[in-house]
């Protein structure tokens, strides 16, 4: 036994004594054990391979070279740099080919790769790495890509799920072009637009939409499912300006009720005054001159409020209706 099971080597026989003959049996046995121990050691030049796991006792391998093939050690810097995920020489827009790291020879579920897109896709896209085979690139599971899901020079990250490469994170920078191409039609998010539908919008006009002829007007919020036709005739910036309070208005133009024609009748009765002790009267008296009876007097006041029209002149401070507003377009689906 060359080693004791803990890696320690001990001579199989007692040590030789000085000035004595070394017997062949001692020498052969000892050298055989040494040979076994050396054979079980790992050679520096890589001629021998390990026969079991090598515990590192909390030590690390240093000076490790960059991996050149699958199955070799990976350095930390290679992991950080994404060396084993980057695809080189990508080409094509919808039929994409690229070279994989370390001569990948088969697709395995869980593999992740990234590449810088050489062009924007125009529809459904595929990826072939190292000529292994053409696989679809999908999103949200097995949904095929739409135009501009991949943009030129965007970083695309995909993972193989055993059937296809699923794109992670949408790929590239979310731009106005991506919004226009993907979400304005919006069939992928459950919102559909048909010809004649309208939106309030500001920005670059999306494909398939036109600006409405409606302009310089207000938007009224209604609860109707189908709003009615446009109403009104006065432009927004005509109605909402500083309006002066001045001018003349007559009659019912300003809702003034005229005073109707009417009379004021009045009846006055003057009675005989009572006699005093000496026979004199203490009140005015009118008599008919014959019987001495009191005389009733009726008075009528002339007609008032003839009902004719008249004019009122109006003046005062201006009413400022110049409200602030923000311009937006109404766009129509063609």
C-alpha atoms as a PDB file:
ATOM      1  CA  UNK A   1       0.000   0.000   0.000  1.00  0.00           C
ATOM      2  CA  UNK A   2       1.735   3.161  -1.216  1.00  0.00           C
ATOM      3  CA  UNK A   3      -0.430   5.670   0.743  1.00  0.00           C
ATOM      4  CA  UNK A   4      -2.333   5.378   3.982  1.00  0.00           C
ATOM      5  CA  UNK A   5      -5.664   6.678   2.688  1.00  0.00           C
ATOM      6  CA  UNK A   6      -5.018  10.212   3.858  1.00  0.00           C
ATOM      7  CA  UNK A   7      -2.353  10.914   1.228  1.00  0.00           C
ATOM      8  CA  UNK A   8       0.587   9.997   3.485  1.00  0.00           C
ATOM      9  CA  UNK A   9       3.347   7.696   2.097  1.00  0.00           C
ATOM     10  CA  UNK A  10       5.307   5.427   4.405  1.00  0.00           C
ATOM     11  CA  UNK A  11       8.113   2.943   3.615  1.00  0.00           C
ATOM     12  CA  UNK A  12       6.756  -0.611   3.681  1.00  0.00           C
ATOM     13  CA  UNK A  13       9.878  -1.953   5.470  1.00  0.00           C
ATOM     14  CA  UNK A  14      12.181  -0.666   8.138  1.00  0.00           C
ATOM     15  CA  UNK A  15      14.915   1.716   7.190  1.00  0.00           C
ATOM     16  CA  UNK A  16      18.283   0.189   6.245  1.00  0.00           C
ATOM     17  CA  UNK A  17      21.189   0.237   8.670  1.00  0.00           C
ATOM     18  CA  UNK A  18      24.459   1.890   7.766  1.00  0.00           C
ATOM     19  CA  UNK A  19      27.336  -0.378   6.689  1.00  0.00           C
ATOM     20  CA  UNK A  20      24.999  -3.320   6.092  1.00  0.00           C
ATOM     21  CA  UNK A  21      24.063  -5.140   2.952  1.00  0.00           C
ATOM     22  CA  UNK A  22      20.748  -4.078   1.394  1.00  0.00           C
ATOM     23  CA  UNK A  23      18.850  -7.181   0.518  1.00  0.00           C
ATOM     24  CA  UNK A  24      17.111  -7.528  -2.803  1.00  0.00           C
ATOM     25  CA  UNK A  25      13.829  -8.310  -1.078  1.00  0.00           C
ATOM     26  CA  UNK A  26      13.966  -5.019   0.835  1.00  0.00           C
ATOM     27  CA  UNK A  27      14.930  -2.980  -2.203  1.00  0.00           C
ATOM     28  CA  UNK A  28      12.396  -4.518  -4.550  1.00  0.00           C
ATOM     29  CA  UNK A  29       9.515  -4.233  -2.106  1.00  0.00           C
ATOM     30  CA  UNK A  30      10.336  -0.640  -1.221  1.00  0.00           C
ATOM     31  CA  UNK A  31      10.848   0.519  -4.808  1.00  0.00           C
ATOM     32  CA  UNK A  32       7.643  -1.178  -5.929  1.00  0.00           C
ATOM     33  CA  UNK A  33       5.718   0.816  -3.329  1.00  0.00           C
ATOM     34  CA  UNK A  34       7.408   4.046  -4.399  1.00  0.00           C
ATOM     35  CA  UNK A  35       6.480   3.347  -8.010  1.00  0.00           C
ATOM     36  CA  UNK A  36       2.850   2.781  -7.064  1.00  0.00           C
ATOM     37  CA  UNK A  37       2.798   6.063  -5.112  1.00  0.00           C
ATOM     38  CA  UNK A  38       4.276   8.042  -8.018  1.00  0.00           C
ATOM     39  CA  UNK A  39       1.874   6.465 -10.474  1.00  0.00           C
ATOM     40  CA  UNK A  40      -1.027   7.552  -8.282  1.00  0.00           C
ATOM     41  CA  UNK A  41       0.164  11.173  -8.254  1.00  0.00           C
ATOM     42  CA  UNK A  42      -0.947  13.828 -10.759  1.00  0.00           C
ATOM     43  CA  UNK A  43       1.894  14.678 -13.127  1.00  0.00           C
ATOM     44  CA  UNK A  44       2.682  18.349 -13.723  1.00  0.00           C
ATOM     45  CA  UNK A  45       2.739  17.838 -17.482  1.00  0.00           C
ATOM     46  CA  UNK A  46      -0.848  16.585 -17.536  1.00  0.00           C
ATOM     47  CA  UNK A  47       0.027  12.992 -18.447  1.00  0.00           C
ATOM     48  CA  UNK A  48      -2.156  11.569 -15.652  1.00  0.00           C
ATOM     49  CA  UNK A  49      -5.762  12.352 -14.815  1.00  0.00           C
ATOM     50  CA  UNK A  50      -7.518  12.403 -11.491  1.00  0.00           C
ATOM     51  CA  UNK A  51      -9.316   9.218 -10.471  1.00  0.00           C
ATOM     52  CA  UNK A  52     -11.650  10.922  -7.971  1.00  0.00           C
ATOM     53  CA  UNK A  53     -12.795  14.324  -6.802  1.00  0.00           C
ATOM     54  CA  UNK A  54      -9.917  16.493  -5.625  1.00  0.00           C
ATOM     55  CA  UNK A  55     -10.824  18.390  -2.435  1.00  0.00           C
ATOM     56  CA  UNK A  56      -9.152  21.811  -2.507  1.00  0.00           C
ATOM     57  CA  UNK A  57      -9.271  22.343   1.272  1.00  0.00           C
ATOM     58  CA  UNK A  58     -10.502  25.943   0.677  1.00  0.00           C
ATOM     59  CA  UNK A  59      -7.678  26.684  -1.746  1.00  0.00           C
ATOM     60  CA  UNK A  60      -8.212  27.848  -5.335  1.00  0.00           C
ATOM     61  CA  UNK A  61      -6.641  27.278  -8.702  1.00  0.00           C
ATOM     62  CA  UNK A  62      -4.686  30.307  -9.876  1.00  0.00           C
ATOM     63  CA  UNK A  63      -3.355  31.355 -13.237  1.00  0.00           C
ATOM     64  CA  UNK A  64      -6.165  29.574 -15.069  1.00  0.00           C
ATOM     65  CA  UNK A  65      -6.132  30.127 -18.835  1.00  0.00           C
ATOM     66  CA  UNK A  66      -9.137  31.270 -20.837  1.00  0.00           C
ATOM     67  CA  UNK A  67     -11.333  28.286 -21.642  1.00  0.00           C
ATOM     68  CA  UNK A  68     -11.063  27.128 -25.234  1.00  0.00           C
ATOM     69  CA  UNK A  69     -13.543  24.244 -25.251  1.00  0.00           C
ATOM     70  CA  UNK A  70     -16.606  22.963 -23.459  1.00  0.00           C
ATOM     71  CA  UNK A  71     -15.786  21.141 -20.226  1.00  0.00           C
ATOM     72  CA  UNK A  72     -12.900  23.442 -19.281  1.00  0.00           C
ATOM     73  CA  UNK A  73     -12.637  25.702 -16.276  1.00  0.00           C
ATOM     74  CA  UNK A  74     -14.467  29.034 -16.546  1.00  0.00           C
ATOM     75  CA  UNK A  75     -12.692  32.074 -15.157  1.00  0.00           C
ATOM     76  CA  UNK A  76     -14.654  34.659 -13.211  1.00  0.00           C
ATOM     77  CA  UNK A  77     -13.870  37.400 -15.714  1.00  0.00           C
ATOM     78  CA  UNK A  78     -15.302  35.269 -18.518  1.00  0.00           C
ATOM     79  CA  UNK A  79     -18.534  34.859 -16.605  1.00  0.00           C
ATOM     80  CA  UNK A  80     -18.774  38.584 -15.880  1.00  0.00           C
ATOM     81  CA  UNK A  81     -17.950  39.492 -19.473  1.00  0.00           C
ATOM     82  CA  UNK A  82     -20.586  37.104 -20.801  1.00  0.00           C
ATOM     83  CA  UNK A  83     -18.006  35.322 -22.913  1.00  0.00           C
ATOM     84  CA  UNK A  84     -20.011  32.110 -23.037  1.00  0.00           C
ATOM     85  CA  UNK A  85     -23.256  33.786 -24.061  1.00  0.00           C
ATOM     86  CA  UNK A  86     -22.157  36.194 -26.765  1.00  0.00           C
ATOM     87  CA  UNK A  87     -22.852  35.245 -30.353  1.00  0.00           C
ATOM     88  CA  UNK A  88     -20.463  36.710 -32.902  1.00  0.00           C
ATOM     89  CA  UNK A  89     -20.938  37.620 -36.564  1.00  0.00           C
ATOM     90  CA  UNK A  90     -24.743  37.878 -36.453  1.00  0.00           C
ATOM     91  CA  UNK A  91     -26.338  38.556 -39.827  1.00  0.00           C
ATOM     92  CA  UNK A  92     -29.786  38.731 -41.360  1.00  0.00           C
ATOM     93  CA  UNK A  93     -33.030  40.452 -40.385  1.00  0.00           C
ATOM     94  CA  UNK A  94     -35.612  37.659 -40.193  1.00  0.00           C
ATOM     95  CA  UNK A  95     -33.339  34.658 -40.880  1.00  0.00           C
ATOM     96  CA  UNK A  96     -30.539  35.285 -38.402  1.00  0.00           C
ATOM     97  CA  UNK A  97     -27.306  33.298 -38.276  1.00  0.00           C
ATOM     98  CA  UNK A  98     -24.459  33.649 -35.766  1.00  0.00           C
ATOM     99  CA  UNK A  99     -21.394  31.926 -34.370  1.00  0.00           C
ATOM    100  CA  UNK A 100     -21.660  30.500 -30.863  1.00  0.00           C
ATOM    101  CA  UNK A 101     -18.910  30.445 -28.200  1.00  0.00           C
ATOM    102  CA  UNK A 102     -16.643  27.399 -27.686  1.00  0.00           C
ATOM    103  CA  UNK A 103     -18.037  25.631 -30.750  1.00  0.00           C
ATOM    104  CA  UNK A 104     -21.433  24.841 -29.256  1.00  0.00           C
ATOM    105  CA  UNK A 105     -22.627  21.753 -31.117  1.00  0.00           C
ATOM    106  CA  UNK A 106     -26.145  21.202 -29.785  1.00  0.00           C
ATOM    107  CA  UNK A 107     -29.092  23.159 -28.401  1.00  0.00           C
ATOM    108  CA  UNK A 108     -29.916  22.421 -24.769  1.00  0.00           C
ATOM    109  CA  UNK A 109     -32.883  23.804 -22.854  1.00  0.00           C
ATOM    110  CA  UNK A 110     -31.731  26.669 -20.639  1.00  0.00           C
ATOM    111  CA  UNK A 111     -28.975  27.922 -22.934  1.00  0.00           C
ATOM    112  CA  UNK A 112     -28.901  31.716 -23.113  1.00  0.00           C
ATOM    113  CA  UNK A 113     -27.282  33.696 -25.877  1.00  0.00           C
ATOM    114  CA  UNK A 114     -27.088  37.376 -26.780  1.00  0.00           C
ATOM    115  CA  UNK A 115     -26.232  39.166 -29.982  1.00  0.00           C
ATOM    116  CA  UNK A 116     -26.244  42.658 -31.466  1.00  0.00           C
ATOM    117  CA  UNK A 117     -28.860  42.746 -34.198  1.00  0.00           C
ATOM    118  CA  UNK A 118     -27.537  43.417 -37.677  1.00  0.00           C
ATOM    119  CA  UNK A 119     -30.950  44.638 -38.878  1.00  0.00           C
ATOM    120  CA  UNK A 120     -34.516  45.242 -37.737  1.00  0.00           C
ATOM    121  CA  UNK A 121     -36.843  42.311 -38.274  1.00  0.00           C
ATOM    122  CA  UNK A 122     -39.840  42.711 -40.550  1.00  0.00           C
ATOM    123  CA  UNK A 123     -41.881  39.843 -39.123  1.00  0.00           C
ATOM    124  CA  UNK A 124     -41.422  36.324 -37.740  1.00  0.00           C
ATOM    125  CA  UNK A 125     -37.715  35.565 -37.194  1.00  0.00           C
ATOM    126  CA  UNK A 126     -35.443  32.524 -36.756  1.00  0.00           C
ATOM    127  CA  UNK A 127     -31.959  31.914 -35.338  1.00  0.00           C
ATOM    128  CA  UNK A 128     -29.315  29.379 -36.388  1.00  0.00           C
ATOM    129  CA  UNK A 129     -26.170  29.074 -34.225  1.00  0.00           C
ATOM    130  CA  UNK A 130     -23.107  27.332 -35.643  1.00  0.00           C
ATOM    131  CA  UNK A 131     -25.290  25.681 -38.270  1.00  0.00           C
ATOM    132  CA  UNK A 132     -26.849  23.441 -35.603  1.00  0.00           C
ATOM    133  CA  UNK A 133     -30.347  24.127 -36.893  1.00  0.00           C
ATOM    134  CA  UNK A 134     -32.915  26.857 -37.515  1.00  0.00           C
ATOM    135  CA  UNK A 135     -35.116  27.677 -34.521  1.00  0.00           C
ATOM    136  CA  UNK A 136     -37.875  30.253 -34.226  1.00  0.00           C
ATOM    137  CA  UNK A 137     -37.400  33.357 -32.079  1.00  0.00           C
ATOM    138  CA  UNK A 138     -40.604  33.989 -30.126  1.00  0.00           C
ATOM    139  CA  UNK A 139     -41.946  36.257 -27.380  1.00  0.00           C
ATOM    140  CA  UNK A 140     -44.366  35.685 -24.519  1.00  0.00           C
ATOM    141  CA  UNK A 141     -44.055  31.953 -25.017  1.00  0.00           C
ATOM    142  CA  UNK A 142     -44.622  30.778 -28.564  1.00  0.00           C
ATOM    143  CA  UNK A 143     -45.880  34.064 -30.072  1.00  0.00           C
ATOM    144  CA  UNK A 144     -44.074  34.919 -33.288  1.00  0.00           C
ATOM    145  CA  UNK A 145     -42.259  38.247 -33.471  1.00  0.00           C
ATOM    146  CA  UNK A 146     -43.896  41.268 -35.081  1.00  0.00           C
ATOM    147  CA  UNK A 147     -42.103  43.826 -37.211  1.00  0.00           C
ATOM    148  CA  UNK A 148     -39.518  45.872 -35.273  1.00  0.00           C
ATOM    149  CA  UNK A 149     -39.543  43.638 -32.199  1.00  0.00           C
ATOM    150  CA  UNK A 150     -35.823  43.503 -32.993  1.00  0.00           C
ATOM    151  CA  UNK A 151     -34.190  46.807 -33.918  1.00  0.00           C
ATOM    152  CA  UNK A 152     -30.879  47.308 -35.663  1.00  0.00           C
ATOM    153  CA  UNK A 153     -27.946  47.492 -33.194  1.00  0.00           C
ATOM    154  CA  UNK A 154     -30.166  46.442 -30.284  1.00  0.00           C
ATOM    155  CA  UNK A 155     -28.924  43.784 -27.865  1.00  0.00           C
ATOM    156  CA  UNK A 156     -31.145  40.724 -28.119  1.00  0.00           C
ATOM    157  CA  UNK A 157     -31.164  38.120 -25.328  1.00  0.00           C
ATOM    158  CA  UNK A 158     -32.746  34.721 -26.008  1.00  0.00           C
ATOM    159  CA  UNK A 159     -33.124  31.456 -24.088  1.00  0.00           C
ATOM    160  CA  UNK A 160     -33.697  28.047 -25.640  1.00  0.00           C
ATOM    161  CA  UNK A 161     -36.734  26.363 -24.067  1.00  0.00           C
ATOM    162  CA  UNK A 162     -36.289  23.014 -25.782  1.00  0.00           C
ATOM    163  CA  UNK A 163     -38.327  24.020 -28.837  1.00  0.00           C
ATOM    164  CA  UNK A 164     -37.537  27.625 -29.748  1.00  0.00           C
ATOM    165  CA  UNK A 165     -35.547  30.638 -28.618  1.00  0.00           C
ATOM    166  CA  UNK A 166     -37.711  32.915 -26.459  1.00  0.00           C
ATOM    167  CA  UNK A 167     -36.690  36.570 -26.512  1.00  0.00           C
ATOM    168  CA  UNK A 168     -36.151  38.032 -23.036  1.00  0.00           C
ATOM    169  CA  UNK A 169     -36.913  41.672 -22.260  1.00  0.00           C
ATOM    170  CA  UNK A 170     -38.226  42.731 -25.652  1.00  0.00           C
ATOM    171  CA  UNK A 171     -34.828  43.356 -27.207  1.00  0.00           C
ATOM    172  CA  UNK A 172     -33.189  46.756 -27.627  1.00  0.00           C
ATOM    173  CA  UNK A 173     -34.461  50.190 -26.630  1.00  0.00           C
ATOM    174  CA  UNK A 174     -38.212  50.843 -26.543  1.00  0.00           C
ATOM    175  CA  UNK A 175     -38.682  53.606 -29.103  1.00  0.00           C
ATOM    176  CA  UNK A 176     -41.464  55.483 -30.870  1.00  0.00           C
ATOM    177  CA  UNK A 177     -40.960  53.158 -33.834  1.00  0.00           C
ATOM    178  CA  UNK A 178     -41.569  50.106 -31.632  1.00  0.00           C
ATOM    179  CA  UNK A 179     -44.673  51.715 -30.118  1.00  0.00           C
ATOM    180  CA  UNK A 180     -46.034  52.619 -33.537  1.00  0.00           C
ATOM    181  CA  UNK A 181     -45.378  49.239 -35.078  1.00  0.00           C
ATOM    182  CA  UNK A 182     -46.434  47.074 -32.167  1.00  0.00           C
ATOM    183  CA  UNK A 183     -48.851  48.798 -29.836  1.00  0.00           C
ATOM    184  CA  UNK A 184     -50.859  51.171 -31.999  1.00  0.00           C
ATOM    185  CA  UNK A 185     -52.309  48.216 -33.924  1.00  0.00           C
ATOM    186  CA  UNK A 186     -52.309  46.625 -30.455  1.00  0.00           C
ATOM    187  CA  UNK A 187     -53.553  43.204 -31.542  1.00  0.00           C
ATOM    188  CA  UNK A 188     -50.977  41.678 -29.188  1.00  0.00           C
ATOM    189  CA  UNK A 189     -52.372  43.421 -26.091  1.00  0.00           C
ATOM    190  CA  UNK A 190     -56.081  42.863 -26.691  1.00  0.00           C
ATOM    191  CA  UNK A 191     -56.940  46.307 -28.131  1.00  0.00           C
ATOM    192  CA  UNK A 192     -58.186  46.344 -31.700  1.00  0.00           C
ATOM    193  CA  UNK A 193     -58.780  49.393 -33.914  1.00  0.00           C
ATOM    194  CA  UNK A 194     -61.013  49.483 -36.953  1.00  0.00           C
ATOM    195  CA  UNK A 195     -61.335  52.021 -39.714  1.00  0.00           C
ATOM    196  CA  UNK A 196     -62.897  55.251 -38.483  1.00  0.00           C
ATOM    197  CA  UNK A 197     -61.815  54.876 -34.844  1.00  0.00           C
ATOM    198  CA  UNK A 198     -60.405  58.083 -33.352  1.00  0.00           C
ATOM    199  CA  UNK A 199     -57.749  58.832 -30.732  1.00  0.00           C
ATOM    200  CA  UNK A 200     -56.475  62.022 -29.107  1.00  0.00           C
ATOM    201  CA  UNK A 201     -52.777  61.967 -29.910  1.00  0.00           C
ATOM    202  CA  UNK A 202     -49.598  64.045 -30.090  1.00  0.00           C
ATOM    203  CA  UNK A 203     -46.405  62.990 -31.812  1.00  0.00           C
ATOM    204  CA  UNK A 204     -45.223  61.477 -35.068  1.00  0.00           C
ATOM    205  CA  UNK A 205     -48.266  60.234 -36.973  1.00  0.00           C
ATOM    206  CA  UNK A 206     -48.429  56.408 -36.704  1.00  0.00           C
ATOM    207  CA  UNK A 207     -48.664  54.255 -39.798  1.00  0.00           C
ATOM    208  CA  UNK A 208     -52.261  53.614 -40.824  1.00  0.00           C
ATOM    209  CA  UNK A 209     -53.677  56.755 -39.186  1.00  0.00           C
ATOM    210  CA  UNK A 210     -54.588  60.208 -40.533  1.00  0.00           C
ATOM    211  CA  UNK A 211     -55.181  63.519 -38.802  1.00  0.00           C
ATOM    212  CA  UNK A 212     -58.839  64.486 -38.502  1.00  0.00           C
ATOM    213  CA  UNK A 213     -60.124  67.625 -40.223  1.00  0.00           C
ATOM    214  CA  UNK A 214     -61.620  68.696 -36.897  1.00  0.00           C
ATOM    215  CA  UNK A 215     -59.565  71.672 -35.708  1.00  0.00           C
ATOM    216  CA  UNK A 216     -59.688  74.682 -33.408  1.00  0.00           C
ATOM    217  CA  UNK A 217     -62.482  73.208 -31.295  1.00  0.00           C
ATOM    218  CA  UNK A 218     -63.071  71.741 -27.858  1.00  0.00           C
ATOM    219  CA  UNK A 219     -63.506  68.126 -26.800  1.00  0.00           C
ATOM    220  CA  UNK A 220     -66.616  67.359 -24.777  1.00  0.00           C
ATOM    221  CA  UNK A 221     -66.583  64.301 -22.496  1.00  0.00           C
ATOM    222  CA  UNK A 222     -69.827  62.311 -22.815  1.00  0.00           C
ATOM    223  CA  UNK A 223     -71.074  59.049 -21.363  1.00  0.00           C
ATOM    224  CA  UNK A 224     -72.605  57.812 -24.602  1.00  0.00           C
ATOM    225  CA  UNK A 225     -71.075  54.647 -26.015  1.00  0.00           C
ATOM    226  CA  UNK A 226     -71.241  56.191 -29.490  1.00  0.00           C
ATOM    227  CA  UNK A 227     -70.736  59.976 -29.359  1.00  0.00           C
ATOM    228  CA  UNK A 228     -72.834  62.080 -31.719  1.00  0.00           C
ATOM    229  CA  UNK A 229     -71.719  64.269 -34.598  1.00  0.00           C
ATOM    230  CA  UNK A 230     -69.655  67.424 -34.062  1.00  0.00           C
ATOM    231  CA  UNK A 231     -71.696  70.413 -32.869  1.00  0.00           C
ATOM    232  CA  UNK A 232     -71.260  74.190 -32.759  1.00  0.00           C
ATOM    233  CA  UNK A 233     -69.912  76.730 -35.221  1.00  0.00           C
ATOM    234  CA  UNK A 234     -67.631  79.094 -33.262  1.00  0.00           C
ATOM    235  CA  UNK A 235     -63.883  78.407 -33.263  1.00  0.00           C
ATOM    236  CA  UNK A 236     -62.252  77.743 -29.899  1.00  0.00           C
ATOM    237  CA  UNK A 237     -59.897  80.739 -30.035  1.00  0.00           C
ATOM    238  CA  UNK A 238     -62.774  83.000 -31.129  1.00  0.00           C
ATOM    239  CA  UNK A 239     -65.087  82.033 -28.286  1.00  0.00           C
ATOM    240  CA  UNK A 240     -62.434  81.997 -25.596  1.00  0.00           C
ATOM    241  CA  UNK A 241     -60.961  85.495 -25.704  1.00  0.00           C
ATOM    242  CA  UNK A 242     -61.330  88.583 -23.566  1.00  0.00           C
ATOM    243  CA  UNK A 243     -64.888  89.756 -24.274  1.00  0.00           C
ATOM    244  CA  UNK A 244     -65.809  93.443 -23.769  1.00  0.00           C
ATOM    245  CA  UNK A 245     -69.097  94.296 -22.010  1.00  0.00           C
ATOM    246  CA  UNK A 246     -70.422  97.219 -24.069  1.00  0.00           C
ATOM    247  CA  UNK A 247     -73.116  98.154 -26.569  1.00  0.00           C
ATOM    248  CA  UNK A 248     -76.855  98.759 -26.508  1.00  0.00           C
ATOM    249  CA  UNK A 249     -79.655  96.250 -26.155  1.00  0.00           C
ATOM    250  CA  UNK A 250     -83.349  96.951 -26.333  1.00  0.00           C
ATOM    251  CA  UNK A 251     -86.420  95.250 -25.008  1.00  0.00           C
ATOM    252  CA  UNK A 252     -86.462  91.506 -24.766  1.00  0.00           C
ATOM    253  CA  UNK A 253     -82.992  91.251 -26.304  1.00  0.00           C
ATOM    254  CA  UNK A 254     -81.691  91.411 -22.747  1.00  0.00           C
ATOM    255  CA  UNK A 255     -84.863  89.914 -21.217  1.00  0.00           C
ATOM    256  CA  UNK A 256     -86.295  93.215 -19.890  1.00  0.00           C
ATOM    257  CA  UNK A 257     -90.039  93.065 -19.235  1.00  0.00           C
ATOM    258  CA  UNK A 258     -91.837  96.243 -20.319  1.00  0.00           C
ATOM    259  CA  UNK A 259     -94.231  97.996 -17.876  1.00  0.00           C
ATOM    260  CA  UNK A 260     -97.798  97.416 -19.204  1.00  0.00           C
ATOM    261  CA  UNK A 261    -100.282 100.281 -19.689  1.00  0.00           C
ATOM    262  CA  UNK A 262    -102.430 100.870 -16.564  1.00  0.00           C
ATOM    263  CA  UNK A 263    -104.468 103.524 -14.671  1.00  0.00           C
ATOM    264  CA  UNK A 264    -104.635 104.626 -11.084  1.00  0.00           C
ATOM    265  CA  UNK A 265    -108.321 105.309 -10.135  1.00  0.00           C
ATOM    266  CA  UNK A 266    -108.994 107.296  -6.949  1.00  0.00           C
ATOM    267  CA  UNK A 267    -112.316 108.240  -5.202  1.00  0.00           C
ATOM    268  CA  UNK A 268    -112.380 111.028  -2.596  1.00  0.00           C
ATOM    269  CA  UNK A 269    -115.364 111.834  -0.431  1.00  0.00           C
ATOM    270  CA  UNK A 270    -115.595 115.171   1.387  1.00  0.00           C
ATOM    271  CA  UNK A 271    -118.207 115.198   4.146  1.00  0.00           C
ATOM    272  CA  UNK A 272    -119.930 117.954   6.048  1.00  0.00           C
ATOM    273  CA  UNK A 273    -118.037 119.129   9.052  1.00  0.00           C
ATOM    274  CA  UNK A 274    -119.541 118.742  12.476  1.00  0.00           C
ATOM    275  CA  UNK A 275    -120.964 121.824  14.138  1.00  0.00           C
ATOM    276  CA  UNK A 276    -119.261 123.436  17.047  1.00  0.00           C
ATOM    277  CA  UNK A 277    -120.958 125.060  19.989  1.00  0.00           C
ATOM    278  CA  UNK A 278    -121.237 128.378  18.218  1.00  0.00           C
ATOM    279  CA  UNK A 279    -122.459 126.655  15.036  1.00  0.00           C
ATOM    280  CA  UNK A 280    -119.278 126.874  13.007  1.00  0.00           C
ATOM    281  CA  UNK A 281    -117.945 123.934  10.979  1.00  0.00           C
ATOM    282  CA  UNK A 282    -114.572 122.350  11.778  1.00  0.00           C
ATOM    283  CA  UNK A 283    -114.222 120.473   8.442  1.00  0.00           C
ATOM    284  CA  UNK A 284    -114.306 121.479   4.780  1.00  0.00           C
ATOM    285  CA  UNK A 285    -117.698 121.091   3.223  1.00  0.00           C
ATOM    286  CA  UNK A 286    -119.019 120.789  -0.303  1.00  0.00           C
ATOM    287  CA  UNK A 287    -122.739 121.117  -0.904  1.00  0.00           C
ATOM    288  CA  UNK A 288    -124.985 120.768  -3.897  1.00  0.00           C
ATOM    289  CA  UNK A 289    -126.409 124.133  -2.953  1.00  0.00           C
ATOM    290  CA  UNK A 290    -129.965 122.811  -2.833  1.00  0.00           C
ATOM    291  CA  UNK A 291    -130.368 120.123  -0.265  1.00  0.00           C
ATOM    292  CA  UNK A 292    -127.154 120.708   1.547  1.00  0.00           C
ATOM    293  CA  UNK A 293    -126.154 117.107   1.053  1.00  0.00           C
ATOM    294  CA  UNK A 294    -122.521 116.006   0.839  1.00  0.00           C
ATOM    295  CA  UNK A 295    -121.077 115.646  -2.620  1.00  0.00           C
ATOM    296  CA  UNK A 296    -118.722 112.676  -3.590  1.00  0.00           C
ATOM    297  CA  UNK A 297    -115.739 113.564  -5.796  1.00  0.00           C
ATOM    298  CA  UNK A 298    -113.967 110.930  -7.977  1.00  0.00           C
ATOM    299  CA  UNK A 299    -110.438 111.528  -9.381  1.00  0.00           C
ATOM    300  CA  UNK A 300    -108.738 109.531 -12.178  1.00  0.00           C
ATOM    301  CA  UNK A 301    -104.956 109.632 -12.797  1.00  0.00           C
ATOM    302  CA  UNK A 302    -103.840 109.540 -16.413  1.00  0.00           C
ATOM    303  CA  UNK A 303    -102.621 106.251 -17.981  1.00  0.00           C
ATOM    304  CA  UNK A 304     -99.013 105.267 -17.072  1.00  0.00           C
ATOM    305  CA  UNK A 305     -96.510 102.806 -18.604  1.00  0.00           C
ATOM    306  CA  UNK A 306     -97.596 102.911 -22.167  1.00  0.00           C
ATOM    307  CA  UNK A 307     -95.764  99.631 -23.054  1.00  0.00           C
ATOM    308  CA  UNK A 308     -93.510 101.184 -25.663  1.00  0.00           C
ATOM    309  CA  UNK A 309     -89.998  99.777 -26.417  1.00  0.00           C
ATOM    310  CA  UNK A 310     -86.859 101.414 -25.092  1.00  0.00           C
ATOM    311  CA  UNK A 311     -83.086 100.922 -25.169  1.00  0.00           C
ATOM    312  CA  UNK A 312     -80.580 100.116 -22.378  1.00  0.00           C
ATOM    313  CA  UNK A 313     -76.904 100.952 -22.893  1.00  0.00           C
ATOM    314  CA  UNK A 314     -74.497  98.394 -21.372  1.00  0.00           C
ATOM    315  CA  UNK A 315     -70.899  98.976 -20.385  1.00  0.00           C
ATOM    316  CA  UNK A 316     -68.400  97.583 -17.905  1.00  0.00           C
ATOM    317  CA  UNK A 317     -65.124  95.668 -17.473  1.00  0.00           C
ATOM    318  CA  UNK A 318     -64.193  93.008 -20.024  1.00  0.00           C
ATOM    319  CA  UNK A 319     -64.811  89.346 -19.134  1.00  0.00           C
ATOM    320  CA  UNK A 320     -61.570  87.407 -19.663  1.00  0.00           C
ATOM    321  CA  UNK A 321     -62.376  84.039 -21.244  1.00  0.00           C
ATOM    322  CA  UNK A 322     -58.882  83.486 -22.694  1.00  0.00           C
ATOM    323  CA  UNK A 323     -58.379  80.033 -21.089  1.00  0.00           C
ATOM    324  CA  UNK A 324     -55.075  78.151 -21.321  1.00  0.00           C
ATOM    325  CA  UNK A 325     -55.095  75.168 -23.662  1.00  0.00           C
ATOM    326  CA  UNK A 326     -52.807  72.398 -24.916  1.00  0.00           C
ATOM    327  CA  UNK A 327     -52.899  71.441 -28.582  1.00  0.00           C
ATOM    328  CA  UNK A 328     -53.489  67.754 -29.427  1.00  0.00           C
ATOM    329  CA  UNK A 329     -54.421  65.972 -32.637  1.00  0.00           C
ATOM    330  CA  UNK A 330     -57.488  63.861 -33.210  1.00  0.00           C
ATOM    331  CA  UNK A 331     -56.321  61.000 -35.433  1.00  0.00           C
ATOM    332  CA  UNK A 332     -58.477  58.577 -37.378  1.00  0.00           C
ATOM    333  CA  UNK A 333     -57.737  54.941 -38.248  1.00  0.00           C
ATOM    334  CA  UNK A 334     -57.734  54.487 -42.020  1.00  0.00           C
END
